[in-house]
Protein backbone atom coordinates (compact mmCIF):
# COMPACT_ATOMS: atom_id res chain seq x y z
CA UNK A 1 0.00 0.00 0.00
CA UNK A 2 1.38 3.38 -0.97
CA UNK A 3 0.54 6.79 0.47
CA UNK A 4 1.67 9.73 -1.66
CA UNK A 5 3.32 12.63 0.09
CA UNK A 6 4.66 15.04 -2.53
CA UNK A 7 4.90 18.77 -3.26
CA UNK A 8 2.07 21.04 -2.13
CA UNK A 9 -0.78 21.68 -4.55
CA UNK A 10 -2.29 25.15 -4.31
CA UNK A 11 -6.01 24.63 -4.96
CA UNK A 12 -8.99 26.51 -3.55
CA UNK A 13 -11.69 23.91 -3.00
CA UNK A 14 -15.32 24.78 -3.03
CA UNK A 15 -17.96 22.13 -2.63
CA UNK A 16 -18.03 18.46 -1.81
CA UNK A 17 -18.33 15.49 -4.11
CA UNK A 18 -21.42 13.39 -4.60
CA UNK A 19 -21.03 9.61 -4.71
CA UNK A 20 -24.69 8.64 -4.81
CA UNK A 21 -25.66 6.08 -7.42
CA UNK A 22 -26.49 7.87 -10.66
CA UNK A 23 -26.10 7.46 -14.38
CA UNK A 24 -22.54 8.07 -15.63
CA UNK A 25 -21.91 11.59 -16.85
CA UNK A 26 -21.06 11.77 -20.55
CA UNK A 27 -18.26 14.30 -20.48
CA UNK A 28 -17.26 16.97 -22.96
CA UNK A 29 -13.79 18.53 -22.69
CA UNK A 30 -13.66 21.74 -20.68
CA UNK A 31 -17.16 21.26 -19.26
CA UNK A 32 -18.00 21.17 -15.52
CA UNK A 33 -21.01 19.03 -14.57
CA UNK A 34 -23.00 19.99 -11.48
CA UNK A 35 -23.84 16.29 -10.94
CA UNK A 36 -20.27 15.90 -9.64
CA UNK A 37 -21.09 18.01 -6.58
CA UNK A 38 -23.54 17.91 -3.68
CA UNK A 39 -25.50 20.96 -4.76
CA UNK A 40 -29.13 21.89 -4.50
CA UNK A 41 -30.78 22.54 -7.86
CA UNK A 42 -29.63 25.80 -9.46
CA UNK A 43 -32.56 27.59 -11.12
CA UNK A 44 -32.19 30.43 -13.61
CA UNK A 45 -34.86 32.59 -15.31
CA UNK A 46 -35.00 32.80 -19.11
CA UNK A 47 -35.09 36.55 -19.78
CA UNK A 48 -36.07 36.34 -23.47
CA UNK A 49 -36.60 33.66 -26.10
CA UNK A 50 -33.25 31.84 -26.20
CA UNK A 51 -31.86 29.71 -29.03
CA UNK A 52 -30.12 26.52 -27.85
CA UNK A 53 -27.81 23.87 -29.27
CA UNK A 54 -27.25 20.16 -28.73
CA UNK A 55 -23.48 20.59 -28.19
CA UNK A 56 -21.35 22.86 -26.03
CA UNK A 57 -19.80 24.49 -29.11
CA UNK A 58 -23.19 25.89 -30.15
CA UNK A 59 -23.14 24.46 -33.68
CA UNK A 60 -26.27 22.22 -33.71
CA UNK A 61 -29.58 24.01 -33.13
CA UNK A 62 -31.79 22.27 -30.56
CA UNK A 63 -34.76 24.64 -30.18
CA UNK A 64 -35.69 27.91 -28.52
CA UNK A 65 -36.36 28.20 -24.81
CA UNK A 66 -39.54 30.10 -23.93
CA UNK A 67 -39.06 33.41 -22.10
CA UNK A 68 -40.17 33.79 -18.49
CA UNK A 69 -39.60 30.18 -17.40
CA UNK A 70 -37.17 28.82 -14.84
CA UNK A 71 -34.60 26.34 -16.16
CA UNK A 72 -32.27 24.07 -14.17
CA UNK A 73 -28.53 24.45 -14.67
CA UNK A 74 -26.84 21.14 -15.51
CA UNK A 75 -23.33 22.04 -16.66
CA UNK A 76 -21.03 24.98 -17.34
CA UNK A 77 -18.83 25.26 -20.44
CA UNK A 78 -16.45 27.95 -21.58
CA UNK A 79 -19.17 30.13 -23.11
CA UNK A 80 -22.46 28.24 -22.76
CA UNK A 81 -24.59 26.72 -20.00
CA UNK A 82 -26.34 23.38 -20.27
CA UNK A 83 -29.87 23.65 -18.92
CA UNK A 84 -33.08 21.65 -18.68
CA UNK A 85 -36.14 23.61 -19.76
CA UNK A 86 -39.07 23.92 -22.15
CA UNK A 87 -38.91 24.84 -25.82
CA UNK A 88 -41.67 24.98 -28.40
CA UNK A 89 -41.35 21.23 -29.01
CA UNK A 90 -41.36 20.29 -25.31
CA UNK A 91 -38.76 19.61 -22.63
CA UNK A 92 -35.16 19.82 -23.81
CA UNK A 93 -31.68 19.44 -22.35
CA UNK A 94 -29.51 21.81 -24.32
CA UNK A 95 -26.83 24.49 -24.32
CA UNK A 96 -27.64 28.20 -24.15
CA UNK A 97 -25.75 31.48 -23.82
CA UNK A 98 -25.85 32.87 -20.26
CA UNK A 99 -26.73 36.23 -21.83
CA UNK A 100 -30.32 34.96 -22.08
CA UNK A 101 -30.49 33.94 -18.43
CA UNK A 102 -30.66 35.63 -15.04
CA UNK A 103 -27.34 36.01 -13.25
CA UNK A 104 -25.77 33.36 -11.04
CA UNK A 105 -24.75 34.26 -7.46
CA UNK A 106 -21.56 36.31 -7.22
CA UNK A 107 -18.46 34.12 -7.39
CA UNK A 108 -20.41 30.98 -8.36
CA UNK A 109 -18.47 30.22 -11.55
CA UNK A 110 -15.08 30.95 -9.99
CA UNK A 111 -15.92 28.72 -7.03
CA UNK A 112 -17.26 25.97 -9.26
CA UNK A 113 -14.12 25.91 -11.41
CA UNK A 114 -11.89 25.82 -8.34
CA UNK A 115 -13.98 23.02 -6.86
CA UNK A 116 -13.70 21.04 -10.07
CA UNK A 117 -9.91 21.42 -10.00
CA UNK A 118 -9.89 19.93 -6.52
CA UNK A 119 -12.24 17.12 -7.53
CA UNK A 120 -9.82 16.09 -10.27
CA UNK A 121 -6.82 16.27 -7.90
CA UNK A 122 -8.57 14.17 -5.26
CA UNK A 123 -9.82 11.60 -7.77
CA UNK A 124 -6.23 11.18 -9.00
CA UNK A 125 -5.08 10.57 -5.42
CA UNK A 126 -7.83 8.02 -4.89
CA UNK A 127 -7.05 6.25 -8.17
CA UNK A 128 -3.47 5.81 -6.93
CA UNK A 129 -4.55 4.79 -3.39
CA UNK A 130 -2.87 7.85 -1.90
CA UNK A 131 -3.83 10.30 0.84
CA UNK A 132 -3.18 13.99 1.41
CA UNK A 133 -3.74 16.68 4.00
CA UNK A 134 -7.07 18.36 3.23
CA UNK A 135 -8.91 15.17 2.23
CA UNK A 136 -12.17 14.26 3.96
CA UNK A 137 -12.97 11.15 5.97
CA UNK A 138 -14.97 9.78 3.05
CA UNK A 139 -12.21 10.49 0.52
CA UNK A 140 -9.57 8.77 2.66
CA UNK A 141 -11.74 5.68 3.10
CA UNK A 142 -12.44 5.57 -0.63
CA UNK A 143 -8.70 5.76 -1.28
CA UNK A 144 -7.12 3.37 1.24
CA UNK A 145 -10.02 1.68 2.97
CA UNK A 146 -11.08 1.50 6.59
CA UNK A 147 -8.44 2.04 9.28
CA UNK A 148 -7.23 -0.67 11.63
CA UNK A 149 -7.91 1.61 14.61
CA UNK A 150 -9.95 4.76 15.06
CA UNK A 151 -10.77 7.13 17.89
CA UNK A 152 -12.85 10.31 18.27
CA UNK A 153 -12.55 13.26 20.63
CA UNK A 154 -15.08 16.10 20.80
CA UNK A 155 -14.59 19.42 22.57
CA UNK A 156 -16.37 22.77 22.51
CA UNK A 157 -14.62 23.90 19.33
CA UNK A 158 -14.31 20.84 17.10
CA UNK A 159 -14.47 17.10 16.65
CA UNK A 160 -11.17 15.32 16.16
CA UNK A 161 -10.72 11.85 14.68
CA UNK A 162 -7.60 9.71 14.63
CA UNK A 163 -7.27 6.88 12.13
CA UNK A 164 -4.39 4.44 12.24
CA UNK A 165 -3.40 2.16 9.39
CA UNK A 166 -0.99 -0.68 10.07
CA UNK A 167 0.95 -2.43 7.36
CA UNK A 168 1.72 -6.05 8.05
CA UNK A 169 4.26 -8.29 6.41
CA UNK A 170 4.83 -12.03 6.71
CA UNK A 171 8.31 -12.42 8.22
CA UNK A 172 10.06 -15.80 8.04
CA UNK A 173 11.29 -17.19 11.34
CA UNK A 174 13.23 -20.38 11.91
CA UNK A 175 12.03 -22.80 14.53
CA UNK A 176 13.19 -26.14 15.86
CA UNK A 177 10.73 -29.00 15.76
CA UNK A 178 11.36 -32.27 17.64
CA UNK A 179 9.63 -35.23 16.03
CA UNK A 180 8.18 -38.30 17.75
CA UNK A 181 11.46 -40.07 17.08
CA UNK A 182 13.29 -37.46 19.11
CA UNK A 183 15.06 -36.01 16.05
CA UNK A 184 15.19 -32.21 15.92
CA UNK A 185 14.69 -30.48 12.58
CA UNK A 186 14.87 -26.84 11.60
CA UNK A 187 11.78 -25.42 9.92
CA UNK A 188 10.48 -22.05 8.82
CA UNK A 189 7.25 -20.42 9.93
CA UNK A 190 5.81 -17.17 8.60
CA UNK A 191 4.73 -14.68 11.25
CA UNK A 192 2.41 -11.76 10.42
CA UNK A 193 4.29 -8.76 11.81
CA UNK A 194 3.49 -5.01 11.77
CA UNK A 195 6.21 -3.21 9.81
CA UNK A 196 4.88 0.36 9.62
CA UNK A 197 1.98 2.61 10.55
CA UNK A 198 0.28 5.67 9.11
CA UNK A 199 -1.70 7.82 11.55
CA UNK A 200 -4.11 10.42 10.17
CA UNK A 201 -5.41 13.18 12.41
CA UNK A 202 -8.70 14.77 11.32
CA UNK A 203 -10.12 18.08 12.51
CA UNK A 204 -13.85 18.46 11.77
CA UNK A 205 -13.64 15.67 9.23
CA UNK A 206 -10.60 16.98 7.32
CA UNK A 207 -7.07 15.53 7.43
CA UNK A 208 -5.06 18.08 9.43
CA UNK A 209 -1.84 16.10 9.85
CA UNK A 210 -0.33 12.69 9.23
CA UNK A 211 2.39 10.74 10.99
CA UNK A 212 4.31 7.75 9.67
CA UNK A 213 6.48 5.35 11.55
CA UNK A 214 9.78 4.33 10.00
CA UNK A 215 8.90 1.33 7.92
CA UNK A 216 7.60 0.63 4.46
CA UNK A 217 4.24 2.38 4.58
CA UNK A 218 5.46 4.86 1.98
CA UNK A 219 8.70 5.84 0.31
CA UNK A 220 7.66 9.46 -0.23
CA UNK A 221 9.19 12.24 1.80
CA UNK A 222 7.11 15.38 1.23
CA UNK A 223 3.48 16.27 1.78
CA UNK A 224 0.66 16.72 -0.71
CA UNK A 225 -1.93 19.26 0.35
CA UNK A 226 -5.36 19.87 -1.14
CA UNK A 227 -7.50 22.67 0.22
CA UNK A 228 -10.43 21.47 2.35
CA UNK A 229 -13.98 21.65 0.96
CA UNK A 230 -16.26 24.62 1.55
CA UNK A 231 -19.72 25.40 0.19
CA UNK A 232 -20.05 26.69 -3.37
CA UNK A 233 -23.05 28.83 -2.41
C-alpha atoms as a PDB file:
ATOM      1  CA  UNK A   1       0.000   0.000   0.000  1.00  0.00           C
ATOM      2  CA  UNK A   2       1.379   3.384  -0.969  1.00  0.00           C
ATOM      3  CA  UNK A   3       0.538   6.789   0.474  1.00  0.00           C
ATOM      4  CA  UNK A   4       1.666   9.729  -1.663  1.00  0.00           C
ATOM      5  CA  UNK A   5       3.319  12.625   0.094  1.00  0.00           C
ATOM      6  CA  UNK A   6       4.657  15.040  -2.527  1.00  0.00           C
ATOM      7  CA  UNK A   7       4.898  18.770  -3.259  1.00  0.00           C
ATOM      8  CA  UNK A   8       2.065  21.042  -2.131  1.00  0.00           C
ATOM      9  CA  UNK A   9      -0.784  21.682  -4.546  1.00  0.00           C
ATOM     10  CA  UNK A  10      -2.292  25.153  -4.305  1.00  0.00           C
ATOM     11  CA  UNK A  11      -6.008  24.626  -4.959  1.00  0.00           C
ATOM     12  CA  UNK A  12      -8.986  26.506  -3.549  1.00  0.00           C
ATOM     13  CA  UNK A  13     -11.694  23.910  -3.001  1.00  0.00           C
ATOM     14  CA  UNK A  14     -15.321  24.784  -3.028  1.00  0.00           C
ATOM     15  CA  UNK A  15     -17.964  22.133  -2.633  1.00  0.00           C
ATOM     16  CA  UNK A  16     -18.028  18.461  -1.811  1.00  0.00           C
ATOM     17  CA  UNK A  17     -18.329  15.495  -4.113  1.00  0.00           C
ATOM     18  CA  UNK A  18     -21.416  13.385  -4.603  1.00  0.00           C
ATOM     19  CA  UNK A  19     -21.034   9.606  -4.710  1.00  0.00           C
ATOM     20  CA  UNK A  20     -24.695   8.644  -4.812  1.00  0.00           C
ATOM     21  CA  UNK A  21     -25.659   6.084  -7.416  1.00  0.00           C
ATOM     22  CA  UNK A  22     -26.485   7.865 -10.660  1.00  0.00           C
ATOM     23  CA  UNK A  23     -26.099   7.461 -14.383  1.00  0.00           C
ATOM     24  CA  UNK A  24     -22.538   8.068 -15.629  1.00  0.00           C
ATOM     25  CA  UNK A  25     -21.912  11.592 -16.850  1.00  0.00           C
ATOM     26  CA  UNK A  26     -21.056  11.769 -20.549  1.00  0.00           C
ATOM     27  CA  UNK A  27     -18.259  14.305 -20.479  1.00  0.00           C
ATOM     28  CA  UNK A  28     -17.256  16.971 -22.963  1.00  0.00           C
ATOM     29  CA  UNK A  29     -13.786  18.529 -22.690  1.00  0.00           C
ATOM     30  CA  UNK A  30     -13.659  21.738 -20.682  1.00  0.00           C
ATOM     31  CA  UNK A  31     -17.165  21.257 -19.257  1.00  0.00           C
ATOM     32  CA  UNK A  32     -17.997  21.165 -15.521  1.00  0.00           C
ATOM     33  CA  UNK A  33     -21.008  19.032 -14.570  1.00  0.00           C
ATOM     34  CA  UNK A  34     -23.001  19.986 -11.481  1.00  0.00           C
ATOM     35  CA  UNK A  35     -23.838  16.292 -10.940  1.00  0.00           C
ATOM     36  CA  UNK A  36     -20.268  15.905  -9.641  1.00  0.00           C
ATOM     37  CA  UNK A  37     -21.094  18.006  -6.579  1.00  0.00           C
ATOM     38  CA  UNK A  38     -23.538  17.911  -3.680  1.00  0.00           C
ATOM     39  CA  UNK A  39     -25.498  20.960  -4.763  1.00  0.00           C
ATOM     40  CA  UNK A  40     -29.132  21.890  -4.500  1.00  0.00           C
ATOM     41  CA  UNK A  41     -30.776  22.542  -7.863  1.00  0.00           C
ATOM     42  CA  UNK A  42     -29.627  25.803  -9.462  1.00  0.00           C
ATOM     43  CA  UNK A  43     -32.562  27.594 -11.121  1.00  0.00           C
ATOM     44  CA  UNK A  44     -32.194  30.435 -13.613  1.00  0.00           C
ATOM     45  CA  UNK A  45     -34.860  32.587 -15.311  1.00  0.00           C
ATOM     46  CA  UNK A  46     -35.000  32.805 -19.110  1.00  0.00           C
ATOM     47  CA  UNK A  47     -35.087  36.549 -19.784  1.00  0.00           C
ATOM     48  CA  UNK A  48     -36.067  36.341 -23.471  1.00  0.00           C
ATOM     49  CA  UNK A  49     -36.596  33.660 -26.105  1.00  0.00           C
ATOM     50  CA  UNK A  50     -33.246  31.837 -26.201  1.00  0.00           C
ATOM     51  CA  UNK A  51     -31.856  29.706 -29.034  1.00  0.00           C
ATOM     52  CA  UNK A  52     -30.124  26.521 -27.851  1.00  0.00           C
ATOM     53  CA  UNK A  53     -27.814  23.865 -29.269  1.00  0.00           C
ATOM     54  CA  UNK A  54     -27.247  20.162 -28.726  1.00  0.00           C
ATOM     55  CA  UNK A  55     -23.485  20.593 -28.188  1.00  0.00           C
ATOM     56  CA  UNK A  56     -21.351  22.858 -26.035  1.00  0.00           C
ATOM     57  CA  UNK A  57     -19.804  24.486 -29.113  1.00  0.00           C
ATOM     58  CA  UNK A  58     -23.188  25.889 -30.154  1.00  0.00           C
ATOM     59  CA  UNK A  59     -23.140  24.462 -33.681  1.00  0.00           C
ATOM     60  CA  UNK A  60     -26.273  22.221 -33.713  1.00  0.00           C
ATOM     61  CA  UNK A  61     -29.576  24.008 -33.129  1.00  0.00           C
ATOM     62  CA  UNK A  62     -31.793  22.268 -30.556  1.00  0.00           C
ATOM     63  CA  UNK A  63     -34.756  24.643 -30.184  1.00  0.00           C
ATOM     64  CA  UNK A  64     -35.688  27.911 -28.524  1.00  0.00           C
ATOM     65  CA  UNK A  65     -36.364  28.204 -24.806  1.00  0.00           C
ATOM     66  CA  UNK A  66     -39.537  30.095 -23.927  1.00  0.00           C
ATOM     67  CA  UNK A  67     -39.055  33.405 -22.105  1.00  0.00           C
ATOM     68  CA  UNK A  68     -40.171  33.786 -18.489  1.00  0.00           C
ATOM     69  CA  UNK A  69     -39.605  30.185 -17.405  1.00  0.00           C
ATOM     70  CA  UNK A  70     -37.167  28.819 -14.839  1.00  0.00           C
ATOM     71  CA  UNK A  71     -34.603  26.335 -16.158  1.00  0.00           C
ATOM     72  CA  UNK A  72     -32.272  24.069 -14.166  1.00  0.00           C
ATOM     73  CA  UNK A  73     -28.533  24.447 -14.673  1.00  0.00           C
ATOM     74  CA  UNK A  74     -26.841  21.136 -15.506  1.00  0.00           C
ATOM     75  CA  UNK A  75     -23.329  22.042 -16.664  1.00  0.00           C
ATOM     76  CA  UNK A  76     -21.026  24.976 -17.343  1.00  0.00           C
ATOM     77  CA  UNK A  77     -18.833  25.258 -20.436  1.00  0.00           C
ATOM     78  CA  UNK A  78     -16.448  27.945 -21.578  1.00  0.00           C
ATOM     79  CA  UNK A  79     -19.167  30.131 -23.110  1.00  0.00           C
ATOM     80  CA  UNK A  80     -22.463  28.241 -22.763  1.00  0.00           C
ATOM     81  CA  UNK A  81     -24.586  26.723 -19.996  1.00  0.00           C
ATOM     82  CA  UNK A  82     -26.340  23.380 -20.275  1.00  0.00           C
ATOM     83  CA  UNK A  83     -29.875  23.652 -18.920  1.00  0.00           C
ATOM     84  CA  UNK A  84     -33.082  21.650 -18.680  1.00  0.00           C
ATOM     85  CA  UNK A  85     -36.136  23.608 -19.757  1.00  0.00           C
ATOM     86  CA  UNK A  86     -39.071  23.915 -22.151  1.00  0.00           C
ATOM     87  CA  UNK A  87     -38.911  24.843 -25.819  1.00  0.00           C
ATOM     88  CA  UNK A  88     -41.672  24.975 -28.403  1.00  0.00           C
ATOM     89  CA  UNK A  89     -41.354  21.226 -29.014  1.00  0.00           C
ATOM     90  CA  UNK A  90     -41.363  20.293 -25.312  1.00  0.00           C
ATOM     91  CA  UNK A  91     -38.764  19.611 -22.630  1.00  0.00           C
ATOM     92  CA  UNK A  92     -35.157  19.820 -23.810  1.00  0.00           C
ATOM     93  CA  UNK A  93     -31.680  19.438 -22.351  1.00  0.00           C
ATOM     94  CA  UNK A  94     -29.507  21.815 -24.323  1.00  0.00           C
ATOM     95  CA  UNK A  95     -26.829  24.492 -24.315  1.00  0.00           C
ATOM     96  CA  UNK A  96     -27.637  28.197 -24.149  1.00  0.00           C
ATOM     97  CA  UNK A  97     -25.750  31.479 -23.816  1.00  0.00           C
ATOM     98  CA  UNK A  98     -25.853  32.868 -20.255  1.00  0.00           C
ATOM     99  CA  UNK A  99     -26.730  36.235 -21.833  1.00  0.00           C
ATOM    100  CA  UNK A 100     -30.319  34.964 -22.084  1.00  0.00           C
ATOM    101  CA  UNK A 101     -30.486  33.940 -18.425  1.00  0.00           C
ATOM    102  CA  UNK A 102     -30.656  35.626 -15.042  1.00  0.00           C
ATOM    103  CA  UNK A 103     -27.336  36.013 -13.254  1.00  0.00           C
ATOM    104  CA  UNK A 104     -25.769  33.358 -11.044  1.00  0.00           C
ATOM    105  CA  UNK A 105     -24.746  34.263  -7.460  1.00  0.00           C
ATOM    106  CA  UNK A 106     -21.556  36.312  -7.221  1.00  0.00           C
ATOM    107  CA  UNK A 107     -18.464  34.120  -7.388  1.00  0.00           C
ATOM    108  CA  UNK A 108     -20.406  30.977  -8.356  1.00  0.00           C
ATOM    109  CA  UNK A 109     -18.473  30.218 -11.553  1.00  0.00           C
ATOM    110  CA  UNK A 110     -15.076  30.954  -9.986  1.00  0.00           C
ATOM    111  CA  UNK A 111     -15.916  28.719  -7.026  1.00  0.00           C
ATOM    112  CA  UNK A 112     -17.262  25.967  -9.264  1.00  0.00           C
ATOM    113  CA  UNK A 113     -14.123  25.907 -11.410  1.00  0.00           C
ATOM    114  CA  UNK A 114     -11.886  25.823  -8.338  1.00  0.00           C
ATOM    115  CA  UNK A 115     -13.983  23.023  -6.859  1.00  0.00           C
ATOM    116  CA  UNK A 116     -13.701  21.037 -10.067  1.00  0.00           C
ATOM    117  CA  UNK A 117      -9.910  21.420 -10.003  1.00  0.00           C
ATOM    118  CA  UNK A 118      -9.890  19.930  -6.519  1.00  0.00           C
ATOM    119  CA  UNK A 119     -12.240  17.122  -7.534  1.00  0.00           C
ATOM    120  CA  UNK A 120      -9.816  16.091 -10.274  1.00  0.00           C
ATOM    121  CA  UNK A 121      -6.823  16.273  -7.904  1.00  0.00           C
ATOM    122  CA  UNK A 122      -8.572  14.165  -5.258  1.00  0.00           C
ATOM    123  CA  UNK A 123      -9.818  11.600  -7.773  1.00  0.00           C
ATOM    124  CA  UNK A 124      -6.235  11.184  -8.996  1.00  0.00           C
ATOM    125  CA  UNK A 125      -5.083  10.566  -5.418  1.00  0.00           C
ATOM    126  CA  UNK A 126      -7.832   8.017  -4.886  1.00  0.00           C
ATOM    127  CA  UNK A 127      -7.053   6.253  -8.168  1.00  0.00           C
ATOM    128  CA  UNK A 128      -3.466   5.813  -6.934  1.00  0.00           C
ATOM    129  CA  UNK A 129      -4.548   4.790  -3.392  1.00  0.00           C
ATOM    130  CA  UNK A 130      -2.868   7.853  -1.901  1.00  0.00           C
ATOM    131  CA  UNK A 131      -3.829  10.299   0.836  1.00  0.00           C
ATOM    132  CA  UNK A 132      -3.179  13.992   1.413  1.00  0.00           C
ATOM    133  CA  UNK A 133      -3.737  16.684   4.000  1.00  0.00           C
ATOM    134  CA  UNK A 134      -7.067  18.358   3.229  1.00  0.00           C
ATOM    135  CA  UNK A 135      -8.911  15.170   2.228  1.00  0.00           C
ATOM    136  CA  UNK A 136     -12.166  14.265   3.960  1.00  0.00           C
ATOM    137  CA  UNK A 137     -12.974  11.150   5.966  1.00  0.00           C
ATOM    138  CA  UNK A 138     -14.968   9.783   3.049  1.00  0.00           C
ATOM    139  CA  UNK A 139     -12.210  10.494   0.519  1.00  0.00           C
ATOM    140  CA  UNK A 140      -9.574   8.770   2.659  1.00  0.00           C
ATOM    141  CA  UNK A 141     -11.744   5.683   3.101  1.00  0.00           C
ATOM    142  CA  UNK A 142     -12.439   5.567  -0.634  1.00  0.00           C
ATOM    143  CA  UNK A 143      -8.705   5.757  -1.275  1.00  0.00           C
ATOM    144  CA  UNK A 144      -7.117   3.371   1.240  1.00  0.00           C
ATOM    145  CA  UNK A 145     -10.019   1.677   2.966  1.00  0.00           C
ATOM    146  CA  UNK A 146     -11.077   1.501   6.592  1.00  0.00           C
ATOM    147  CA  UNK A 147      -8.437   2.043   9.280  1.00  0.00           C
ATOM    148  CA  UNK A 148      -7.228  -0.671  11.629  1.00  0.00           C
ATOM    149  CA  UNK A 149      -7.908   1.607  14.610  1.00  0.00           C
ATOM    150  CA  UNK A 150      -9.954   4.758  15.060  1.00  0.00           C
ATOM    151  CA  UNK A 151     -10.775   7.132  17.891  1.00  0.00           C
ATOM    152  CA  UNK A 152     -12.854  10.305  18.273  1.00  0.00           C
ATOM    153  CA  UNK A 153     -12.554  13.259  20.632  1.00  0.00           C
ATOM    154  CA  UNK A 154     -15.083  16.098  20.803  1.00  0.00           C
ATOM    155  CA  UNK A 155     -14.593  19.418  22.573  1.00  0.00           C
ATOM    156  CA  UNK A 156     -16.371  22.774  22.506  1.00  0.00           C
ATOM    157  CA  UNK A 157     -14.622  23.896  19.329  1.00  0.00           C
ATOM    158  CA  UNK A 158     -14.314  20.838  17.099  1.00  0.00           C
ATOM    159  CA  UNK A 159     -14.472  17.102  16.646  1.00  0.00           C
ATOM    160  CA  UNK A 160     -11.165  15.319  16.159  1.00  0.00           C
ATOM    161  CA  UNK A 161     -10.723  11.851  14.678  1.00  0.00           C
ATOM    162  CA  UNK A 162      -7.596   9.714  14.629  1.00  0.00           C
ATOM    163  CA  UNK A 163      -7.271   6.881  12.132  1.00  0.00           C
ATOM    164  CA  UNK A 164      -4.393   4.436  12.235  1.00  0.00           C
ATOM    165  CA  UNK A 165      -3.399   2.162   9.387  1.00  0.00           C
ATOM    166  CA  UNK A 166      -0.994  -0.682  10.069  1.00  0.00           C
ATOM    167  CA  UNK A 167       0.947  -2.434   7.357  1.00  0.00           C
ATOM    168  CA  UNK A 168       1.715  -6.052   8.048  1.00  0.00           C
ATOM    169  CA  UNK A 169       4.257  -8.286   6.413  1.00  0.00           C
ATOM    170  CA  UNK A 170       4.825 -12.027   6.711  1.00  0.00           C
ATOM    171  CA  UNK A 171       8.306 -12.420   8.221  1.00  0.00           C
ATOM    172  CA  UNK A 172      10.057 -15.803   8.040  1.00  0.00           C
ATOM    173  CA  UNK A 173      11.288 -17.186  11.341  1.00  0.00           C
ATOM    174  CA  UNK A 174      13.232 -20.377  11.909  1.00  0.00           C
ATOM    175  CA  UNK A 175      12.026 -22.805  14.530  1.00  0.00           C
ATOM    176  CA  UNK A 176      13.191 -26.140  15.862  1.00  0.00           C
ATOM    177  CA  UNK A 177      10.730 -28.997  15.758  1.00  0.00           C
ATOM    178  CA  UNK A 178      11.358 -32.272  17.640  1.00  0.00           C
ATOM    179  CA  UNK A 179       9.631 -35.225  16.033  1.00  0.00           C
ATOM    180  CA  UNK A 180       8.185 -38.298  17.745  1.00  0.00           C
ATOM    181  CA  UNK A 181      11.458 -40.069  17.084  1.00  0.00           C
ATOM    182  CA  UNK A 182      13.294 -37.463  19.105  1.00  0.00           C
ATOM    183  CA  UNK A 183      15.059 -36.012  16.047  1.00  0.00           C
ATOM    184  CA  UNK A 184      15.189 -32.211  15.919  1.00  0.00           C
ATOM    185  CA  UNK A 185      14.685 -30.477  12.582  1.00  0.00           C
ATOM    186  CA  UNK A 186      14.873 -26.836  11.603  1.00  0.00           C
ATOM    187  CA  UNK A 187      11.782 -25.423   9.920  1.00  0.00           C
ATOM    188  CA  UNK A 188      10.480 -22.046   8.816  1.00  0.00           C
ATOM    189  CA  UNK A 189       7.248 -20.421   9.925  1.00  0.00           C
ATOM    190  CA  UNK A 190       5.814 -17.166   8.601  1.00  0.00           C
ATOM    191  CA  UNK A 191       4.733 -14.676  11.246  1.00  0.00           C
ATOM    192  CA  UNK A 192       2.406 -11.757  10.419  1.00  0.00           C
ATOM    193  CA  UNK A 193       4.292  -8.762  11.810  1.00  0.00           C
ATOM    194  CA  UNK A 194       3.486  -5.009  11.767  1.00  0.00           C
ATOM    195  CA  UNK A 195       6.211  -3.206   9.814  1.00  0.00           C
ATOM    196  CA  UNK A 196       4.876   0.361   9.620  1.00  0.00           C
ATOM    197  CA  UNK A 197       1.978   2.610  10.552  1.00  0.00           C
ATOM    198  CA  UNK A 198       0.276   5.670   9.112  1.00  0.00           C
ATOM    199  CA  UNK A 199      -1.703   7.820  11.549  1.00  0.00           C
ATOM    200  CA  UNK A 200      -4.107  10.416  10.173  1.00  0.00           C
ATOM    201  CA  UNK A 201      -5.409  13.184  12.406  1.00  0.00           C
ATOM    202  CA  UNK A 202      -8.697  14.771  11.319  1.00  0.00           C
ATOM    203  CA  UNK A 203     -10.121  18.081  12.513  1.00  0.00           C
ATOM    204  CA  UNK A 204     -13.849  18.458  11.772  1.00  0.00           C
ATOM    205  CA  UNK A 205     -13.642  15.665   9.226  1.00  0.00           C
ATOM    206  CA  UNK A 206     -10.595  16.981   7.323  1.00  0.00           C
ATOM    207  CA  UNK A 207      -7.069  15.528   7.425  1.00  0.00           C
ATOM    208  CA  UNK A 208      -5.064  18.079   9.433  1.00  0.00           C
ATOM    209  CA  UNK A 209      -1.835  16.102   9.850  1.00  0.00           C
ATOM    210  CA  UNK A 210      -0.326  12.691   9.233  1.00  0.00           C
ATOM    211  CA  UNK A 211       2.393  10.739  10.987  1.00  0.00           C
ATOM    212  CA  UNK A 212       4.313   7.747   9.671  1.00  0.00           C
ATOM    213  CA  UNK A 213       6.484   5.349  11.552  1.00  0.00           C
ATOM    214  CA  UNK A 214       9.781   4.326  10.002  1.00  0.00           C
ATOM    215  CA  UNK A 215       8.904   1.326   7.921  1.00  0.00           C
ATOM    216  CA  UNK A 216       7.604   0.628   4.463  1.00  0.00           C
ATOM    217  CA  UNK A 217       4.242   2.377   4.575  1.00  0.00           C
ATOM    218  CA  UNK A 218       5.461   4.856   1.978  1.00  0.00           C
ATOM    219  CA  UNK A 219       8.700   5.837   0.311  1.00  0.00           C
ATOM    220  CA  UNK A 220       7.659   9.459  -0.232  1.00  0.00           C
ATOM    221  CA  UNK A 221       9.189  12.242   1.800  1.00  0.00           C
ATOM    222  CA  UNK A 222       7.112  15.376   1.231  1.00  0.00           C
ATOM    223  CA  UNK A 223       3.478  16.269   1.780  1.00  0.00           C
ATOM    224  CA  UNK A 224       0.657  16.724  -0.715  1.00  0.00           C
ATOM    225  CA  UNK A 225      -1.934  19.262   0.351  1.00  0.00           C
ATOM    226  CA  UNK A 226      -5.360  19.871  -1.145  1.00  0.00           C
ATOM    227  CA  UNK A 227      -7.497  22.668   0.222  1.00  0.00           C
ATOM    228  CA  UNK A 228     -10.426  21.467   2.355  1.00  0.00           C
ATOM    229  CA  UNK A 229     -13.979  21.653   0.957  1.00  0.00           C
ATOM    230  CA  UNK A 230     -16.260  24.620   1.545  1.00  0.00           C
ATOM    231  CA  UNK A 231     -19.716  25.396   0.191  1.00  0.00           C
ATOM    232  CA  UNK A 232     -20.051  26.686  -3.366  1.00  0.00           C
ATOM    233  CA  UNK A 233     -23.053  28.826  -2.415  1.00  0.00           C
END
